[in-house]
Amino acid sequence: MKVTPDIIRYEFIGTEVKVAKSKNPSCVGIRGKILDETRNTFIVLHDGERKMIVKNTAIFHFKFSDGTVVEIDGKLLVGRPEDRLKKRIRRLW
């Protein structure tokens, strides 16, 4: 998978995720499959439990189906999934 700034337009439901950093220390290390996404949160299936993680305060590692791992700041992901498609993206590098 080619990693470009358009990665934040990707559909994350069903993707493997790990919380790398968070302002909430109890969220760090949560990993699993994303079950649902709202404007401000991801709901992750972690060890059989549903965990709600606030996007704005965390940095995520996403693992895609081809094995690519990408680190994304949750602040870039805030917003409804359908609205992220319309969002104009500043070049990050």
N, C-alpha and C. Protein backbone atom coordinates (compact mmCIF):
# COMPACT_ATOMS: atom_id res chain seq x y z
N MET A 1 0.85 -1.18 0.00
CA MET A 1 0.00 0.00 0.00
C MET A 1 0.89 1.23 0.00
N LYS A 2 0.61 2.16 -0.89
CA LYS A 2 1.36 3.40 -0.95
C LYS A 2 0.79 4.36 0.09
N VAL A 3 1.67 4.89 0.93
CA VAL A 3 1.22 5.78 1.99
C VAL A 3 1.31 7.22 1.49
N THR A 4 0.16 7.87 1.45
CA THR A 4 0.06 9.26 1.02
C THR A 4 -0.80 10.01 2.03
N PRO A 5 -0.86 11.35 1.93
CA PRO A 5 -1.74 12.10 2.84
C PRO A 5 -3.21 11.70 2.71
N ASP A 6 -3.59 11.08 1.61
CA ASP A 6 -4.97 10.64 1.43
C ASP A 6 -5.34 9.47 2.33
N ILE A 7 -4.39 8.96 3.08
CA ILE A 7 -4.65 7.82 3.96
C ILE A 7 -5.73 8.15 4.99
N ILE A 8 -5.87 9.42 5.36
CA ILE A 8 -6.90 9.75 6.36
C ILE A 8 -8.31 9.69 5.78
N ARG A 9 -8.43 9.54 4.48
CA ARG A 9 -9.74 9.35 3.85
C ARG A 9 -10.15 7.89 3.82
N TYR A 10 -9.28 7.00 4.29
CA TYR A 10 -9.51 5.57 4.24
C TYR A 10 -10.63 5.17 5.20
N GLU A 11 -11.31 4.09 4.88
CA GLU A 11 -12.33 3.52 5.75
C GLU A 11 -11.63 2.64 6.79
N PHE A 12 -11.71 3.00 8.06
CA PHE A 12 -10.96 2.31 9.10
C PHE A 12 -11.72 1.18 9.77
N ILE A 13 -13.02 1.06 9.57
CA ILE A 13 -13.78 -0.02 10.20
C ILE A 13 -13.28 -1.35 9.64
N GLY A 14 -12.92 -2.25 10.55
CA GLY A 14 -12.40 -3.56 10.16
C GLY A 14 -10.88 -3.61 10.13
N THR A 15 -10.22 -2.47 10.34
CA THR A 15 -8.76 -2.40 10.32
C THR A 15 -8.19 -2.70 11.70
N GLU A 16 -7.03 -3.36 11.74
CA GLU A 16 -6.33 -3.60 13.00
C GLU A 16 -5.70 -2.30 13.46
N VAL A 17 -5.81 -2.01 14.76
CA VAL A 17 -5.29 -0.75 15.31
C VAL A 17 -4.62 -1.00 16.65
N LYS A 18 -3.65 -0.17 16.96
CA LYS A 18 -3.00 -0.18 18.27
C LYS A 18 -2.87 1.27 18.70
N VAL A 19 -3.18 1.56 19.96
CA VAL A 19 -3.02 2.90 20.50
C VAL A 19 -1.56 3.02 20.97
N ALA A 20 -0.78 3.84 20.26
CA ALA A 20 0.64 4.00 20.57
C ALA A 20 0.85 4.98 21.71
N LYS A 21 0.15 6.12 21.67
CA LYS A 21 0.26 7.13 22.71
C LYS A 21 -1.12 7.69 22.97
N SER A 22 -1.33 8.16 24.19
CA SER A 22 -2.61 8.77 24.53
C SER A 22 -2.44 9.60 25.78
N LYS A 23 -3.24 10.64 25.90
CA LYS A 23 -3.25 11.43 27.12
C LYS A 23 -3.85 10.63 28.27
N ASN A 24 -4.68 9.66 27.93
CA ASN A 24 -5.27 8.76 28.92
C ASN A 24 -4.39 7.51 29.00
N PRO A 25 -3.61 7.35 30.07
CA PRO A 25 -2.68 6.22 30.15
C PRO A 25 -3.34 4.85 30.09
N SER A 26 -4.60 4.74 30.45
CA SER A 26 -5.26 3.44 30.40
C SER A 26 -5.57 2.99 28.97
N CYS A 27 -5.51 3.90 28.01
CA CYS A 27 -5.78 3.56 26.61
C CYS A 27 -4.53 3.07 25.88
N VAL A 28 -3.35 3.42 26.37
CA VAL A 28 -2.12 3.05 25.69
C VAL A 28 -1.98 1.52 25.68
N GLY A 29 -1.70 0.98 24.50
CA GLY A 29 -1.52 -0.47 24.36
C GLY A 29 -2.76 -1.21 23.94
N ILE A 30 -3.90 -0.54 23.89
CA ILE A 30 -5.12 -1.21 23.42
C ILE A 30 -4.94 -1.53 21.94
N ARG A 31 -5.21 -2.78 21.60
CA ARG A 31 -5.10 -3.18 20.20
C ARG A 31 -6.25 -4.09 19.85
N GLY A 32 -6.63 -4.06 18.60
CA GLY A 32 -7.72 -4.91 18.14
C GLY A 32 -8.29 -4.39 16.84
N LYS A 33 -9.46 -4.88 16.52
CA LYS A 33 -10.12 -4.51 15.27
C LYS A 33 -11.13 -3.41 15.54
N ILE A 34 -11.17 -2.41 14.66
CA ILE A 34 -12.13 -1.31 14.81
C ILE A 34 -13.51 -1.82 14.41
N LEU A 35 -14.45 -1.71 15.34
CA LEU A 35 -15.82 -2.15 15.10
C LEU A 35 -16.70 -1.02 14.58
N ASP A 36 -16.48 0.18 15.10
CA ASP A 36 -17.33 1.32 14.73
C ASP A 36 -16.53 2.59 14.89
N GLU A 37 -17.00 3.62 14.21
CA GLU A 37 -16.34 4.92 14.27
C GLU A 37 -17.40 6.00 14.35
N THR A 38 -17.22 6.91 15.28
CA THR A 38 -18.09 8.07 15.39
C THR A 38 -17.25 9.31 15.11
N ARG A 39 -17.84 10.45 15.30
CA ARG A 39 -17.13 11.71 15.01
C ARG A 39 -15.86 11.84 15.85
N ASN A 40 -15.92 11.47 17.10
CA ASN A 40 -14.80 11.69 18.02
C ASN A 40 -14.17 10.42 18.58
N THR A 41 -14.71 9.24 18.26
CA THR A 41 -14.20 8.02 18.88
C THR A 41 -14.08 6.87 17.90
N PHE A 42 -13.23 5.92 18.28
CA PHE A 42 -13.19 4.60 17.65
C PHE A 42 -13.66 3.61 18.71
N ILE A 43 -14.41 2.61 18.29
CA ILE A 43 -14.78 1.52 19.17
C ILE A 43 -13.99 0.30 18.70
N VAL A 44 -13.15 -0.22 19.60
CA VAL A 44 -12.20 -1.28 19.27
C VAL A 44 -12.54 -2.54 20.06
N LEU A 45 -12.49 -3.69 19.40
CA LEU A 45 -12.68 -4.97 20.07
C LEU A 45 -11.32 -5.42 20.60
N HIS A 46 -11.14 -5.32 21.92
CA HIS A 46 -9.87 -5.63 22.58
C HIS A 46 -10.11 -6.75 23.59
N ASP A 47 -9.53 -7.92 23.33
CA ASP A 47 -9.68 -9.09 24.23
C ASP A 47 -11.15 -9.39 24.54
N GLY A 48 -12.00 -9.33 23.52
CA GLY A 48 -13.42 -9.65 23.71
C GLY A 48 -14.26 -8.53 24.29
N GLU A 49 -13.66 -7.41 24.60
CA GLU A 49 -14.39 -6.26 25.15
C GLU A 49 -14.38 -5.11 24.16
N ARG A 50 -15.43 -4.32 24.20
CA ARG A 50 -15.48 -3.11 23.37
C ARG A 50 -14.88 -1.96 24.16
N LYS A 51 -13.87 -1.33 23.58
CA LYS A 51 -13.21 -0.19 24.21
C LYS A 51 -13.45 1.04 23.35
N MET A 52 -13.80 2.15 23.98
CA MET A 52 -14.01 3.40 23.27
C MET A 52 -12.78 4.27 23.46
N ILE A 53 -12.20 4.71 22.34
CA ILE A 53 -10.98 5.51 22.38
C ILE A 53 -11.24 6.84 21.70
N VAL A 54 -10.91 7.92 22.40
CA VAL A 54 -11.10 9.26 21.88
C VAL A 54 -10.01 9.54 20.84
N LYS A 55 -10.41 9.95 19.65
CA LYS A 55 -9.46 10.18 18.56
C LYS A 55 -8.52 11.35 18.85
N ASN A 56 -9.05 12.42 19.39
CA ASN A 56 -8.32 13.68 19.54
C ASN A 56 -7.12 13.58 20.47
N THR A 57 -7.12 12.61 21.37
CA THR A 57 -6.07 12.54 22.39
C THR A 57 -5.10 11.39 22.18
N ALA A 58 -5.16 10.71 21.02
CA ALA A 58 -4.34 9.51 20.84
C ALA A 58 -3.59 9.52 19.51
N ILE A 59 -2.54 8.72 19.47
CA ILE A 59 -1.81 8.45 18.24
C ILE A 59 -1.96 6.95 17.98
N PHE A 60 -2.36 6.61 16.75
CA PHE A 60 -2.71 5.24 16.40
C PHE A 60 -1.71 4.64 15.43
N HIS A 61 -1.52 3.32 15.55
CA HIS A 61 -0.79 2.54 14.55
C HIS A 61 -1.82 1.64 13.87
N PHE A 62 -2.04 1.86 12.58
CA PHE A 62 -2.98 1.07 11.80
C PHE A 62 -2.22 0.04 10.99
N LYS A 63 -2.68 -1.22 11.02
CA LYS A 63 -2.08 -2.28 10.22
C LYS A 63 -3.09 -2.67 9.14
N PHE A 64 -2.69 -2.47 7.89
CA PHE A 64 -3.57 -2.75 6.77
C PHE A 64 -3.39 -4.18 6.28
N SER A 65 -4.27 -4.62 5.39
CA SER A 65 -4.31 -6.02 4.96
C SER A 65 -3.02 -6.49 4.29
N ASP A 66 -2.25 -5.58 3.70
CA ASP A 66 -1.01 -5.98 3.03
C ASP A 66 0.19 -5.96 3.99
N GLY A 67 -0.04 -5.69 5.27
CA GLY A 67 1.02 -5.69 6.27
C GLY A 67 1.62 -4.33 6.56
N THR A 68 1.21 -3.31 5.83
CA THR A 68 1.72 -1.97 6.06
C THR A 68 1.22 -1.43 7.38
N VAL A 69 2.13 -0.84 8.17
CA VAL A 69 1.76 -0.22 9.43
C VAL A 69 1.99 1.28 9.30
N VAL A 70 0.97 2.06 9.63
CA VAL A 70 1.02 3.51 9.48
C VAL A 70 0.66 4.16 10.81
N GLU A 71 1.44 5.15 11.22
CA GLU A 71 1.14 5.92 12.43
C GLU A 71 0.41 7.19 12.04
N ILE A 72 -0.75 7.41 12.65
CA ILE A 72 -1.56 8.59 12.34
C ILE A 72 -1.99 9.25 13.64
N ASP A 73 -1.83 10.56 13.70
CA ASP A 73 -2.30 11.34 14.85
C ASP A 73 -3.82 11.39 14.78
N GLY A 74 -4.47 11.10 15.87
CA GLY A 74 -5.93 11.08 15.92
C GLY A 74 -6.57 12.42 15.63
N LYS A 75 -5.83 13.52 15.84
CA LYS A 75 -6.38 14.85 15.55
C LYS A 75 -6.73 14.99 14.08
N LEU A 76 -6.01 14.27 13.22
CA LEU A 76 -6.30 14.32 11.78
C LEU A 76 -7.55 13.53 11.42
N LEU A 77 -7.97 12.64 12.29
CA LEU A 77 -9.10 11.75 12.02
C LEU A 77 -10.41 12.23 12.63
N VAL A 78 -10.38 13.32 13.40
CA VAL A 78 -11.60 13.81 14.03
C VAL A 78 -12.59 14.26 12.96
N GLY A 79 -13.80 13.81 13.10
CA GLY A 79 -14.86 14.13 12.15
C GLY A 79 -15.54 12.85 11.71
N ARG A 80 -16.74 13.00 11.21
CA ARG A 80 -17.47 11.83 10.74
C ARG A 80 -16.76 11.24 9.53
N PRO A 81 -16.79 9.92 9.39
CA PRO A 81 -16.08 9.29 8.28
C PRO A 81 -16.49 9.84 6.92
N GLU A 82 -17.77 10.09 6.75
CA GLU A 82 -18.25 10.60 5.45
C GLU A 82 -17.80 12.03 5.20
N ASP A 83 -17.55 12.80 6.26
CA ASP A 83 -17.08 14.18 6.09
C ASP A 83 -15.58 14.24 5.82
N ARG A 84 -14.84 13.21 6.26
CA ARG A 84 -13.39 13.19 5.99
C ARG A 84 -13.11 13.08 4.51
N LEU A 85 -14.03 12.49 3.75
CA LEU A 85 -13.84 12.40 2.30
C LEU A 85 -13.81 13.77 1.65
N LYS A 86 -14.57 14.71 2.19
CA LYS A 86 -14.66 16.06 1.63
C LYS A 86 -13.56 16.98 2.15
N LYS A 87 -12.91 16.57 3.23
CA LYS A 87 -11.93 17.41 3.90
C LYS A 87 -10.72 17.67 3.02
N ARG A 88 -10.30 18.92 2.97
CA ARG A 88 -9.10 19.26 2.22
C ARG A 88 -7.89 18.99 3.11
N ILE A 89 -6.90 18.34 2.55
CA ILE A 89 -5.75 17.88 3.32
C ILE A 89 -4.52 18.70 2.97
N ARG A 90 -3.90 19.27 4.01
CA ARG A 90 -2.63 19.95 3.83
C ARG A 90 -1.54 18.91 3.66
N ARG A 91 -0.60 19.21 2.84
CA ARG A 91 0.52 18.27 2.65
C ARG A 91 1.32 18.20 3.95
N LEU A 92 1.54 16.98 4.44
CA LEU A 92 2.18 16.77 5.72
C LEU A 92 3.69 16.65 5.61
N TRP A 93 4.20 16.38 4.40
CA TRP A 93 5.64 16.28 4.21
C TRP A 93 6.04 16.79 2.88
